[in-house]
Amino acid sequence: LLVIPFKWAVGWAGIGDGQVELIYTAPQEFF
């Protein structure tokens, strides 16, 4: 739900198909 504003920004920027990709670099980071 909090990523939705990021999706809106991607749509405004006209990047790709509007898909959002976030990453985590440590195994425990997302937890």
PDB file of all heavy atoms in Angstrom:
ATOM      1  N   LEU A   1       0.836  -1.211   0.000  1.00  0.00           N
ATOM      2  CA  LEU A   1       0.000   0.000   0.000  1.00  0.00           C
ATOM      3  C   LEU A   1       0.866   1.255   0.000  1.00  0.00           C
ATOM      4  O   LEU A   1       0.548   2.244  -0.685  1.00  0.00           O
ATOM      5  CB  LEU A   1      -0.917  -0.020   1.226  1.00  0.00           C
ATOM      6  CG  LEU A   1      -1.951   1.104   1.331  1.00  0.00           C
ATOM      7  CD1 LEU A   1      -2.971   1.002   0.202  1.00  0.00           C
ATOM      8  CD2 LEU A   1      -2.659   1.054   2.676  1.00  0.00           C
ATOM      9  N   LEU A   2       1.959   1.221   0.727  1.00  0.00           N
ATOM     10  CA  LEU A   2       2.850   2.385   0.767  1.00  0.00           C
ATOM     11  C   LEU A   2       3.650   2.548  -0.526  1.00  0.00           C
ATOM     12  O   LEU A   2       4.183   3.636  -0.778  1.00  0.00           O
ATOM     13  CB  LEU A   2       3.817   2.262   1.950  1.00  0.00           C
ATOM     14  CG  LEU A   2       3.200   2.348   3.347  1.00  0.00           C
ATOM     15  CD1 LEU A   2       4.261   2.149   4.411  1.00  0.00           C
ATOM     16  CD2 LEU A   2       2.507   3.686   3.548  1.00  0.00           C
ATOM     17  N   VAL A   3       3.749   1.500  -1.322  1.00  0.00           N
ATOM     18  CA  VAL A   3       4.486   1.569  -2.588  1.00  0.00           C
ATOM     19  C   VAL A   3       3.651   2.231  -3.687  1.00  0.00           C
ATOM     20  O   VAL A   3       4.185   2.660  -4.709  1.00  0.00           O
ATOM     21  CB  VAL A   3       4.954   0.161  -3.003  1.00  0.00           C
ATOM     22  CG1 VAL A   3       5.593   0.162  -4.392  1.00  0.00           C
ATOM     23  CG2 VAL A   3       5.967  -0.377  -1.998  1.00  0.00           C
ATOM     24  N   ILE A   4       2.330   2.331  -3.482  1.00  0.00           N
ATOM     25  CA  ILE A   4       1.455   2.896  -4.519  1.00  0.00           C
ATOM     26  C   ILE A   4       1.894   4.301  -4.948  1.00  0.00           C
ATOM     27  O   ILE A   4       1.909   4.598  -6.155  1.00  0.00           O
ATOM     28  CB  ILE A   4      -0.010   2.891  -4.027  1.00  0.00           C
ATOM     29  CG1 ILE A   4      -0.518   1.448  -3.939  1.00  0.00           C
ATOM     30  CG2 ILE A   4      -0.899   3.713  -4.958  1.00  0.00           C
ATOM     31  CD1 ILE A   4      -1.934   1.323  -3.408  1.00  0.00           C
ATOM     32  N   PRO A   5       2.272   5.216  -4.018  1.00  0.00           N
ATOM     33  CA  PRO A   5       2.773   6.528  -4.497  1.00  0.00           C
ATOM     34  C   PRO A   5       3.993   6.411  -5.394  1.00  0.00           C
ATOM     35  O   PRO A   5       4.158   7.220  -6.320  1.00  0.00           O
ATOM     36  CB  PRO A   5       3.112   7.263  -3.190  1.00  0.00           C
ATOM     37  CG  PRO A   5       2.223   6.635  -2.163  1.00  0.00           C
ATOM     38  CD  PRO A   5       2.133   5.194  -2.552  1.00  0.00           C
ATOM     39  N   PHE A   6       4.846   5.415  -5.134  1.00  0.00           N
ATOM     40  CA  PHE A   6       6.000   5.176  -6.005  1.00  0.00           C
ATOM     41  C   PHE A   6       5.526   4.761  -7.402  1.00  0.00           C
ATOM     42  O   PHE A   6       6.085   5.198  -8.421  1.00  0.00           O
ATOM     43  CB  PHE A   6       6.891   4.105  -5.382  1.00  0.00           C
ATOM     44  CG  PHE A   6       8.228   3.944  -6.061  1.00  0.00           C
ATOM     45  CD1 PHE A   6       8.689   4.880  -6.960  1.00  0.00           C
ATOM     46  CD2 PHE A   6       9.018   2.843  -5.779  1.00  0.00           C
ATOM     47  CE1 PHE A   6       9.926   4.732  -7.580  1.00  0.00           C
ATOM     48  CE2 PHE A   6      10.246   2.682  -6.386  1.00  0.00           C
ATOM     49  CZ  PHE A   6      10.700   3.637  -7.292  1.00  0.00           C
ATOM     50  N   LYS A   7       4.477   3.943  -7.458  1.00  0.00           N
ATOM     51  CA  LYS A   7       3.922   3.547  -8.752  1.00  0.00           C
ATOM     52  C   LYS A   7       3.390   4.760  -9.506  1.00  0.00           C
ATOM     53  O   LYS A   7       3.558   4.872 -10.724  1.00  0.00           O
ATOM     54  CB  LYS A   7       2.805   2.526  -8.551  1.00  0.00           C
ATOM     55  CG  LYS A   7       3.265   1.161  -8.051  1.00  0.00           C
ATOM     56  CD  LYS A   7       2.084   0.203  -7.947  1.00  0.00           C
ATOM     57  CE  LYS A   7       2.530  -1.167  -7.460  1.00  0.00           C
ATOM     58  NZ  LYS A   7       1.376  -2.108  -7.345  1.00  0.00           N
ATOM     59  N   TRP A   8       2.729   5.655  -8.793  1.00  0.00           N
ATOM     60  CA  TRP A   8       2.241   6.880  -9.449  1.00  0.00           C
ATOM     61  C   TRP A   8       3.407   7.685 -10.019  1.00  0.00           C
ATOM     62  O   TRP A   8       3.316   8.203 -11.136  1.00  0.00           O
ATOM     63  CB  TRP A   8       1.464   7.723  -8.453  1.00  0.00           C
ATOM     64  CG  TRP A   8       0.193   7.081  -7.964  1.00  0.00           C
ATOM     65  CD1 TRP A   8      -0.508   6.082  -8.583  1.00  0.00           C
ATOM     66  CD2 TRP A   8      -0.514   7.403  -6.760  1.00  0.00           C
ATOM     67  NE1 TRP A   8      -1.614   5.759  -7.828  1.00  0.00           N
ATOM     68  CE2 TRP A   8      -1.654   6.548  -6.717  1.00  0.00           C
ATOM     69  CE3 TRP A   8      -0.314   8.306  -5.729  1.00  0.00           C
ATOM     70  CZ2 TRP A   8      -2.569   6.583  -5.672  1.00  0.00           C
ATOM     71  CZ3 TRP A   8      -1.226   8.350  -4.688  1.00  0.00           C
ATOM     72  CH2 TRP A   8      -2.338   7.498  -4.666  1.00  0.00           C
ATOM     73  N   ALA A   9       4.504   7.779  -9.253  1.00  0.00           N
ATOM     74  CA  ALA A   9       5.666   8.534  -9.728  1.00  0.00           C
ATOM     75  C   ALA A   9       6.271   7.882 -10.965  1.00  0.00           C
ATOM     76  O   ALA A   9       6.684   8.579 -11.903  1.00  0.00           O
ATOM     77  CB  ALA A   9       6.709   8.629  -8.611  1.00  0.00           C
ATOM     78  N   VAL A  10       6.320   6.552 -10.981  1.00  0.00           N
ATOM     79  CA  VAL A  10       6.839   5.848 -12.156  1.00  0.00           C
ATOM     80  C   VAL A  10       5.958   6.124 -13.372  1.00  0.00           C
ATOM     81  O   VAL A  10       6.438   6.331 -14.491  1.00  0.00           O
ATOM     82  CB  VAL A  10       6.925   4.334 -11.880  1.00  0.00           C
ATOM     83  CG1 VAL A  10       7.252   3.565 -13.153  1.00  0.00           C
ATOM     84  CG2 VAL A  10       7.987   4.052 -10.821  1.00  0.00           C
ATOM     85  N   GLY A  11       4.641   6.145 -13.147  1.00  0.00           N
ATOM     86  CA  GLY A  11       3.733   6.471 -14.251  1.00  0.00           C
ATOM     87  C   GLY A  11       3.921   7.896 -14.743  1.00  0.00           C
ATOM     88  O   GLY A  11       3.891   8.149 -15.957  1.00  0.00           O
ATOM     89  N   TRP A  12       4.128   8.848 -13.818  1.00  0.00           N
ATOM     90  CA  TRP A  12       4.359  10.236 -14.226  1.00  0.00           C
ATOM     91  C   TRP A  12       5.649  10.367 -15.030  1.00  0.00           C
ATOM     92  O   TRP A  12       5.710  11.147 -15.981  1.00  0.00           O
ATOM     93  CB  TRP A  12       4.449  11.141 -13.002  1.00  0.00           C
ATOM     94  CG  TRP A  12       3.176  11.239 -12.223  1.00  0.00           C
ATOM     95  CD1 TRP A  12       1.950  10.743 -12.603  1.00  0.00           C
ATOM     96  CD2 TRP A  12       2.991  11.853 -10.951  1.00  0.00           C
ATOM     97  NE1 TRP A  12       1.021  11.007 -11.632  1.00  0.00           N
ATOM     98  CE2 TRP A  12       1.615  11.697 -10.602  1.00  0.00           C
ATOM     99  CE3 TRP A  12       3.821  12.519 -10.053  1.00  0.00           C
ATOM    100  CZ2 TRP A  12       1.076  12.176  -9.410  1.00  0.00           C
ATOM    101  CZ3 TRP A  12       3.301  13.004  -8.873  1.00  0.00           C
ATOM    102  CH2 TRP A  12       1.943  12.839  -8.559  1.00  0.00           C
ATOM    103  N   ALA A  13       6.671   9.598 -14.635  1.00  0.00           N
ATOM    104  CA  ALA A  13       7.957   9.671 -15.324  1.00  0.00           C
ATOM    105  C   ALA A  13       7.931   8.942 -16.661  1.00  0.00           C
ATOM    106  O   ALA A  13       8.851   9.097 -17.465  1.00  0.00           O
ATOM    107  CB  ALA A  13       9.063   9.107 -14.433  1.00  0.00           C
ATOM    108  N   GLY A  14       6.886   8.113 -16.897  1.00  0.00           N
ATOM    109  CA  GLY A  14       6.774   7.387 -18.159  1.00  0.00           C
ATOM    110  C   GLY A  14       7.866   6.351 -18.340  1.00  0.00           C
ATOM    111  O   GLY A  14       8.388   6.183 -19.449  1.00  0.00           O
ATOM    112  N   ILE A  15       8.201   5.665 -17.242  1.00  0.00           N
ATOM    113  CA  ILE A  15       9.284   4.684 -17.290  1.00  0.00           C
ATOM    114  C   ILE A  15       8.698   3.286 -17.457  1.00  0.00           C
ATOM    115  O   ILE A  15       7.881   2.844 -16.637  1.00  0.00           O
ATOM    116  CB  ILE A  15      10.134   4.742 -16.010  1.00  0.00           C
ATOM    117  CG1 ILE A  15      10.755   6.135 -15.879  1.00  0.00           C
ATOM    118  CG2 ILE A  15      11.218   3.669 -16.035  1.00  0.00           C
ATOM    119  CD1 ILE A  15      11.479   6.342 -14.573  1.00  0.00           C
ATOM    120  N   GLY A  16       9.105   2.586 -18.499  1.00  0.00           N
ATOM    121  CA  GLY A  16       8.722   1.185 -18.696  1.00  0.00           C
ATOM    122  C   GLY A  16       7.221   0.993 -18.727  1.00  0.00           C
ATOM    123  O   GLY A  16       6.452   1.804 -19.257  1.00  0.00           O
ATOM    124  N   ASP A  17       6.786  -0.096 -18.106  1.00  0.00           N
ATOM    125  CA  ASP A  17       5.366  -0.442 -18.066  1.00  0.00           C
ATOM    126  C   ASP A  17       4.723  -0.079 -16.733  1.00  0.00           C
ATOM    127  O   ASP A  17       3.651  -0.585 -16.402  1.00  0.00           O
ATOM    128  CB  ASP A  17       5.176  -1.933 -18.350  1.00  0.00           C
ATOM    129  CG  ASP A  17       6.004  -2.807 -17.411  1.00  0.00           C
ATOM    130  OD1 ASP A  17       6.743  -2.233 -16.583  1.00  0.00           O
ATOM    131  OD2 ASP A  17       5.917  -4.045 -17.502  1.00  0.00           O
ATOM    132  N   GLY A  18       5.375   0.752 -15.942  1.00  0.00           N
ATOM    133  CA  GLY A  18       4.806   1.167 -14.670  1.00  0.00           C
ATOM    134  C   GLY A  18       5.081   0.222 -13.524  1.00  0.00           C
ATOM    135  O   GLY A  18       4.572   0.422 -12.420  1.00  0.00           O
ATOM    136  N   GLN A  19       5.892  -0.809 -13.745  1.00  0.00           N
ATOM    137  CA  GLN A  19       6.215  -1.756 -12.682  1.00  0.00           C
ATOM    138  C   GLN A  19       7.264  -1.165 -11.741  1.00  0.00           C
ATOM    139  O   GLN A  19       8.168  -0.455 -12.170  1.00  0.00           O
ATOM    140  CB  GLN A  19       6.733  -3.068 -13.269  1.00  0.00           C
ATOM    141  CG  GLN A  19       5.691  -3.856 -14.053  1.00  0.00           C
ATOM    142  CD  GLN A  19       4.562  -4.351 -13.163  1.00  0.00           C
ATOM    143  OE1 GLN A  19       4.792  -4.760 -12.033  1.00  0.00           O
ATOM    144  NE2 GLN A  19       3.335  -4.298 -13.683  1.00  0.00           N
ATOM    145  N   VAL A  20       7.118  -1.461 -10.467  1.00  0.00           N
ATOM    146  CA  VAL A  20       8.022  -0.952  -9.443  1.00  0.00           C
ATOM    147  C   VAL A  20       8.879  -2.105  -8.930  1.00  0.00           C
ATOM    148  O   VAL A  20       8.357  -3.187  -8.630  1.00  0.00           O
ATOM    149  CB  VAL A  20       7.238  -0.304  -8.288  1.00  0.00           C
ATOM    150  CG1 VAL A  20       8.183   0.075  -7.157  1.00  0.00           C
ATOM    151  CG2 VAL A  20       6.488   0.926  -8.781  1.00  0.00           C
ATOM    152  N   GLU A  21      10.164  -1.853  -8.811  1.00  0.00           N
ATOM    153  CA  GLU A  21      11.085  -2.874  -8.300  1.00  0.00           C
ATOM    154  C   GLU A  21      11.877  -2.299  -7.143  1.00  0.00           C
ATOM    155  O   GLU A  21      12.529  -1.263  -7.277  1.00  0.00           O
ATOM    156  CB  GLU A  21      12.035  -3.348  -9.409  1.00  0.00           C
ATOM    157  CG  GLU A  21      12.982  -4.450  -8.960  1.00  0.00           C
ATOM    158  CD  GLU A  21      13.895  -4.923 -10.069  1.00  0.00           C
ATOM    159  OE1 GLU A  21      13.773  -4.403 -11.199  1.00  0.00           O
ATOM    160  OE2 GLU A  21      14.748  -5.812  -9.807  1.00  0.00           O
ATOM    161  N   LEU A  22      11.795  -2.963  -5.997  1.00  0.00           N
ATOM    162  CA  LEU A  22      12.585  -2.611  -4.829  1.00  0.00           C
ATOM    163  C   LEU A  22      13.421  -3.824  -4.441  1.00  0.00           C
ATOM    164  O   LEU A  22      13.041  -4.967  -4.715  1.00  0.00           O
ATOM    165  CB  LEU A  22      11.707  -2.173  -3.658  1.00  0.00           C
ATOM    166  CG  LEU A  22      10.960  -0.848  -3.813  1.00  0.00           C
ATOM    167  CD1 LEU A  22       9.585  -1.071  -4.421  1.00  0.00           C
ATOM    168  CD2 LEU A  22      10.812  -0.137  -2.479  1.00  0.00           C
ATOM    169  N   ILE A  23      14.526  -3.581  -3.786  1.00  0.00           N
ATOM    170  CA  ILE A  23      15.433  -4.669  -3.445  1.00  0.00           C
ATOM    171  C   ILE A  23      15.763  -4.615  -1.961  1.00  0.00           C
ATOM    172  O   ILE A  23      15.520  -3.614  -1.282  1.00  0.00           O
ATOM    173  CB  ILE A  23      16.746  -4.590  -4.262  1.00  0.00           C
ATOM    174  CG1 ILE A  23      17.492  -3.283  -3.937  1.00  0.00           C
ATOM    175  CG2 ILE A  23      16.451  -4.687  -5.753  1.00  0.00           C
ATOM    176  CD1 ILE A  23      18.873  -3.209  -4.553  1.00  0.00           C
ATOM    177  N   TYR A  24      16.317  -5.722  -1.457  1.00  0.00           N
ATOM    178  CA  TYR A  24      16.957  -5.716  -0.139  1.00  0.00           C
ATOM    179  C   TYR A  24      18.234  -6.509  -0.251  1.00  0.00           C
ATOM    180  O   TYR A  24      18.298  -7.552  -0.919  1.00  0.00           O
ATOM    181  CB  TYR A  24      16.040  -6.238   0.966  1.00  0.00           C
ATOM    182  CG  TYR A  24      15.526  -7.643   0.829  1.00  0.00           C
ATOM    183  CD1 TYR A  24      16.159  -8.706   1.460  1.00  0.00           C
ATOM    184  CD2 TYR A  24      14.369  -7.911   0.098  1.00  0.00           C
ATOM    185  CE1 TYR A  24      15.670  -9.999   1.359  1.00  0.00           C
ATOM    186  CE2 TYR A  24      13.866  -9.190  -0.009  1.00  0.00           C
ATOM    187  CZ  TYR A  24      14.518 -10.231   0.624  1.00  0.00           C
ATOM    188  OH  TYR A  24      14.033 -11.518   0.517  1.00  0.00           O
ATOM    189  N   THR A  25      19.290  -5.996   0.373  1.00  0.00           N
ATOM    190  CA  THR A  25      20.646  -6.515   0.167  1.00  0.00           C
ATOM    191  C   THR A  25      21.140  -7.375   1.319  1.00  0.00           C
ATOM    192  O   THR A  25      22.236  -7.914   1.248  1.00  0.00           O
ATOM    193  CB  THR A  25      21.625  -5.347  -0.036  1.00  0.00           C
ATOM    194  OG1 THR A  25      21.557  -4.466   1.085  1.00  0.00           O
ATOM    195  CG2 THR A  25      21.263  -4.573  -1.297  1.00  0.00           C
ATOM    196  N   ALA A  26      20.359  -7.487   2.382  1.00  0.00           N
ATOM    197  CA  ALA A  26      20.727  -8.348   3.508  1.00  0.00           C
ATOM    198  C   ALA A  26      19.578  -9.322   3.749  1.00  0.00           C
ATOM    199  O   ALA A  26      18.402  -8.950   3.593  1.00  0.00           O
ATOM    200  CB  ALA A  26      20.995  -7.522   4.758  1.00  0.00           C
ATOM    201  N   PRO A  27      19.876 -10.560   4.122  1.00  0.00           N
ATOM    202  CA  PRO A  27      18.803 -11.547   4.295  1.00  0.00           C
ATOM    203  C   PRO A  27      17.733 -11.115   5.281  1.00  0.00           C
ATOM    204  O   PRO A  27      16.553 -11.402   5.088  1.00  0.00           O
ATOM    205  CB  PRO A  27      19.552 -12.793   4.787  1.00  0.00           C
ATOM    206  CG  PRO A  27      20.953 -12.624   4.304  1.00  0.00           C
ATOM    207  CD  PRO A  27      21.212 -11.150   4.327  1.00  0.00           C
ATOM    208  N   GLN A  28      18.135 -10.440   6.346  1.00  0.00           N
ATOM    209  CA  GLN A  28      17.185 -10.062   7.387  1.00  0.00           C
ATOM    210  C   GLN A  28      16.579  -8.680   7.174  1.00  0.00           C
ATOM    211  O   GLN A  28      15.742  -8.237   7.972  1.00  0.00           O
ATOM    212  CB  GLN A  28      17.877 -10.100   8.765  1.00  0.00           C
ATOM    213  CG  GLN A  28      18.834  -8.946   9.030  1.00  0.00           C
ATOM    214  CD  GLN A  28      20.201  -9.153   8.389  1.00  0.00           C
ATOM    215  OE1 GLN A  28      20.406 -10.088   7.613  1.00  0.00           O
ATOM    216  NE2 GLN A  28      21.144  -8.287   8.716  1.00  0.00           N
ATOM    217  N   GLU A  29      16.964  -7.986   6.123  1.00  0.00           N
ATOM    218  CA  GLU A  29      16.557  -6.586   5.956  1.00  0.00           C
ATOM    219  C   GLU A  29      15.040  -6.441   5.831  1.00  0.00           C
ATOM    220  O   GLU A  29      14.427  -5.599   6.498  1.00  0.00           O
ATOM    221  CB  GLU A  29      17.242  -5.987   4.732  1.00  0.00           C
ATOM    222  CG  GLU A  29      16.876  -4.531   4.496  1.00  0.00           C
ATOM    223  CD  GLU A  29      17.587  -3.953   3.282  1.00  0.00           C
ATOM    224  OE1 GLU A  29      18.542  -4.590   2.781  1.00  0.00           O
ATOM    225  OE2 GLU A  29      17.184  -2.868   2.829  1.00  0.00           O
ATOM    226  N   PHE A  30      14.402  -7.249   4.982  1.00  0.00           N
ATOM    227  CA  PHE A  30      12.967  -7.098   4.772  1.00  0.00           C
ATOM    228  C   PHE A  30      12.185  -7.499   6.021  1.00  0.00           C
ATOM    229  O   PHE A  30      11.129  -6.938   6.308  1.00  0.00           O
ATOM    230  CB  PHE A  30      12.527  -7.934   3.570  1.00  0.00           C
ATOM    231  CG  PHE A  30      11.117  -7.649   3.127  1.00  0.00           C
ATOM    232  CD1 PHE A  30      10.657  -6.348   3.016  1.00  0.00           C
ATOM    233  CD2 PHE A  30      10.239  -8.672   2.831  1.00  0.00           C
ATOM    234  CE1 PHE A  30       9.367  -6.075   2.613  1.00  0.00           C
ATOM    235  CE2 PHE A  30       8.948  -8.412   2.430  1.00  0.00           C
ATOM    236  CZ  PHE A  30       8.508  -7.102   2.317  1.00  0.00           C
ATOM    237  N   PHE A  31      12.709  -8.469   6.777  1.00  0.00           N
ATOM    238  CA  PHE A  31      12.046  -8.869   8.020  1.00  0.00           C
ATOM    239  C   PHE A  31      12.028  -7.720   9.015  1.00  0.00           C
ATOM    240  O   PHE A  31      10.983  -7.400   9.607  1.00  0.00           O
ATOM    241  CB  PHE A  31      12.757 -10.087   8.619  1.00  0.00           C
ATOM    242  CG  PHE A  31      12.239 -10.482   9.973  1.00  0.00           C
ATOM    243  CD1 PHE A  31      11.016 -11.118  10.107  1.00  0.00           C
ATOM    244  CD2 PHE A  31      12.980 -10.209  11.119  1.00  0.00           C
ATOM    245  CE1 PHE A  31      10.533 -11.466  11.361  1.00  0.00           C
ATOM    246  CE2 PHE A  31      12.510 -10.565  12.371  1.00  0.00           C
ATOM    247  CZ  PHE A  31      11.279 -11.198  12.486  1.00  0.00           C
TER     248      PHE A  31
END
